Amino acid sequence: MEHLKSVDIEKKNIEQKVEQKYDKGLVASTFIKYAAYIVIFFGFLYFIVRYIFPMFR
């Protein structure tokens, strides 16, 4: 006589199958990183215009 195996069937709702494709923390940290790059870039441009260009006059 064969023993019947009990099999657990996991049912998922359709809403659970849709996963978020991005992490909000990752998006925020990436934004902060690129904002810092922009601030550094414009700070460097300000330094060049304010202090380096007047030396060549």
N, C-alpha and C. Protein backbone atom coordinates (compact mmCIF):
# COMPACT_ATOMS: atom_id res chain seq x y z
N MET A 1 0.84 -1.17 0.00
CA MET A 1 0.00 0.00 0.00
C MET A 1 0.89 1.25 0.00
N GLU A 2 0.63 2.14 -0.91
CA GLU A 2 1.44 3.35 -1.02
C GLU A 2 1.01 4.37 0.02
N HIS A 3 2.02 5.00 0.57
CA HIS A 3 1.71 6.07 1.52
C HIS A 3 1.49 7.36 0.75
N LEU A 4 0.46 8.06 1.08
CA LEU A 4 0.19 9.32 0.41
C LEU A 4 1.05 10.42 1.04
N LYS A 5 1.67 11.17 0.19
CA LYS A 5 2.50 12.28 0.66
C LYS A 5 1.64 13.53 0.71
N SER A 6 1.77 14.24 1.79
CA SER A 6 1.02 15.49 1.85
C SER A 6 1.89 16.59 1.22
N VAL A 7 1.33 17.29 0.32
CA VAL A 7 2.04 18.35 -0.39
C VAL A 7 1.38 19.66 -0.04
N ASP A 8 2.20 20.59 0.45
CA ASP A 8 1.67 21.91 0.75
C ASP A 8 1.70 22.74 -0.53
N ILE A 9 0.58 23.24 -0.90
CA ILE A 9 0.48 24.09 -2.08
C ILE A 9 0.35 25.52 -1.60
N GLU A 10 1.29 26.32 -2.04
CA GLU A 10 1.29 27.72 -1.63
C GLU A 10 0.54 28.52 -2.69
N LYS A 11 -0.53 29.13 -2.27
CA LYS A 11 -1.30 29.96 -3.19
C LYS A 11 -0.90 31.41 -2.98
N LYS A 12 -0.69 32.09 -4.08
CA LYS A 12 -0.31 33.49 -4.03
C LYS A 12 -1.35 34.31 -4.75
N ASN A 13 -1.61 35.44 -4.19
CA ASN A 13 -2.50 36.38 -4.86
C ASN A 13 -1.76 37.04 -6.01
N ILE A 14 -2.51 37.54 -6.94
CA ILE A 14 -1.89 38.23 -8.07
C ILE A 14 -1.13 39.46 -7.59
N GLU A 15 -1.63 40.11 -6.55
CA GLU A 15 -0.98 41.31 -6.03
C GLU A 15 0.39 40.99 -5.46
N GLN A 16 0.59 39.80 -4.93
CA GLN A 16 1.88 39.45 -4.35
C GLN A 16 2.91 39.13 -5.42
N LYS A 17 2.46 38.76 -6.62
CA LYS A 17 3.41 38.43 -7.68
C LYS A 17 4.09 39.68 -8.23
N VAL A 18 3.42 40.81 -8.14
CA VAL A 18 4.01 42.05 -8.63
C VAL A 18 4.92 42.59 -7.53
N GLU A 19 6.19 42.58 -7.81
CA GLU A 19 7.16 43.06 -6.83
C GLU A 19 7.66 44.42 -7.25
N GLN A 20 8.10 45.19 -6.26
CA GLN A 20 8.68 46.49 -6.59
C GLN A 20 10.02 46.26 -7.26
N LYS A 21 10.25 46.97 -8.33
CA LYS A 21 11.48 46.80 -9.10
C LYS A 21 12.61 47.65 -8.56
N TYR A 22 12.32 48.56 -7.64
CA TYR A 22 13.36 49.43 -7.13
C TYR A 22 13.20 49.58 -5.62
N ASP A 23 14.29 49.90 -4.99
CA ASP A 23 14.31 50.12 -3.56
C ASP A 23 14.35 51.62 -3.33
N LYS A 24 13.44 52.13 -2.51
CA LYS A 24 13.37 53.58 -2.30
C LYS A 24 14.64 54.10 -1.65
N GLY A 25 15.26 53.31 -0.80
CA GLY A 25 16.51 53.72 -0.18
C GLY A 25 17.63 53.83 -1.19
N LEU A 26 17.64 52.92 -2.15
CA LEU A 26 18.66 52.96 -3.20
C LEU A 26 18.47 54.19 -4.08
N VAL A 27 17.23 54.52 -4.38
CA VAL A 27 16.94 55.70 -5.20
C VAL A 27 17.38 56.96 -4.46
N ALA A 28 17.10 57.03 -3.17
CA ALA A 28 17.47 58.22 -2.39
C ALA A 28 18.99 58.37 -2.30
N SER A 29 19.70 57.27 -2.07
CA SER A 29 21.15 57.36 -1.96
C SER A 29 21.79 57.73 -3.30
N THR A 30 21.22 57.25 -4.39
CA THR A 30 21.73 57.63 -5.71
C THR A 30 21.49 59.10 -5.98
N PHE A 31 20.32 59.60 -5.59
CA PHE A 31 20.04 61.03 -5.76
C PHE A 31 21.02 61.87 -4.95
N ILE A 32 21.29 61.48 -3.73
CA ILE A 32 22.23 62.24 -2.88
C ILE A 32 23.62 62.21 -3.49
N LYS A 33 24.03 61.08 -4.03
CA LYS A 33 25.35 60.97 -4.65
C LYS A 33 25.48 61.92 -5.83
N TYR A 34 24.50 61.91 -6.73
CA TYR A 34 24.60 62.78 -7.90
C TYR A 34 24.40 64.25 -7.54
N ALA A 35 23.62 64.54 -6.53
CA ALA A 35 23.50 65.93 -6.06
C ALA A 35 24.84 66.41 -5.52
N ALA A 36 25.57 65.55 -4.81
CA ALA A 36 26.90 65.92 -4.32
C ALA A 36 27.85 66.17 -5.49
N TYR A 37 27.78 65.34 -6.53
CA TYR A 37 28.62 65.57 -7.71
C TYR A 37 28.34 66.94 -8.32
N ILE A 38 27.08 67.31 -8.42
CA ILE A 38 26.71 68.59 -9.02
C ILE A 38 27.21 69.75 -8.16
N VAL A 39 27.07 69.64 -6.85
CA VAL A 39 27.55 70.70 -5.94
C VAL A 39 29.06 70.85 -6.06
N ILE A 40 29.78 69.74 -6.09
CA ILE A 40 31.24 69.80 -6.23
C ILE A 40 31.62 70.41 -7.57
N PHE A 41 30.93 70.04 -8.64
CA PHE A 41 31.23 70.58 -9.97
C PHE A 41 31.04 72.09 -10.01
N PHE A 42 29.90 72.57 -9.51
CA PHE A 42 29.65 74.00 -9.53
C PHE A 42 30.57 74.75 -8.56
N GLY A 43 30.95 74.12 -7.47
CA GLY A 43 31.93 74.73 -6.57
C GLY A 43 33.27 74.89 -7.25
N PHE A 44 33.67 73.89 -8.02
CA PHE A 44 34.92 73.96 -8.77
C PHE A 44 34.86 75.06 -9.84
N LEU A 45 33.74 75.14 -10.54
CA LEU A 45 33.59 76.22 -11.53
C LEU A 45 33.64 77.59 -10.89
N TYR A 46 33.00 77.74 -9.73
CA TYR A 46 33.02 79.01 -9.01
C TYR A 46 34.45 79.37 -8.63
N PHE A 47 35.20 78.40 -8.14
CA PHE A 47 36.60 78.63 -7.77
C PHE A 47 37.41 79.10 -8.97
N ILE A 48 37.22 78.45 -10.12
CA ILE A 48 37.97 78.83 -11.32
C ILE A 48 37.62 80.25 -11.76
N VAL A 49 36.33 80.56 -11.80
CA VAL A 49 35.91 81.88 -12.27
C VAL A 49 36.33 82.96 -11.28
N ARG A 50 36.23 82.68 -10.01
CA ARG A 50 36.49 83.69 -8.98
C ARG A 50 37.99 83.94 -8.75
N TYR A 51 38.81 82.88 -8.77
CA TYR A 51 40.20 83.03 -8.38
C TYR A 51 41.21 82.77 -9.49
N ILE A 52 40.93 81.89 -10.41
CA ILE A 52 41.93 81.57 -11.43
C ILE A 52 41.88 82.54 -12.60
N PHE A 53 40.68 82.82 -13.13
CA PHE A 53 40.57 83.73 -14.27
C PHE A 53 41.11 85.12 -13.97
N PRO A 54 40.90 85.70 -12.80
CA PRO A 54 41.47 87.04 -12.55
C PRO A 54 43.00 87.06 -12.58
N MET A 55 43.68 85.94 -12.40
CA MET A 55 45.13 85.91 -12.43
C MET A 55 45.67 86.18 -13.83
N PHE A 56 44.87 85.87 -14.84
CA PHE A 56 45.34 86.02 -16.22
C PHE A 56 45.09 87.41 -16.79
N ARG A 57 44.59 88.30 -16.01
CA ARG A 57 44.35 89.67 -16.53
C ARG A 57 45.60 90.49 -16.49
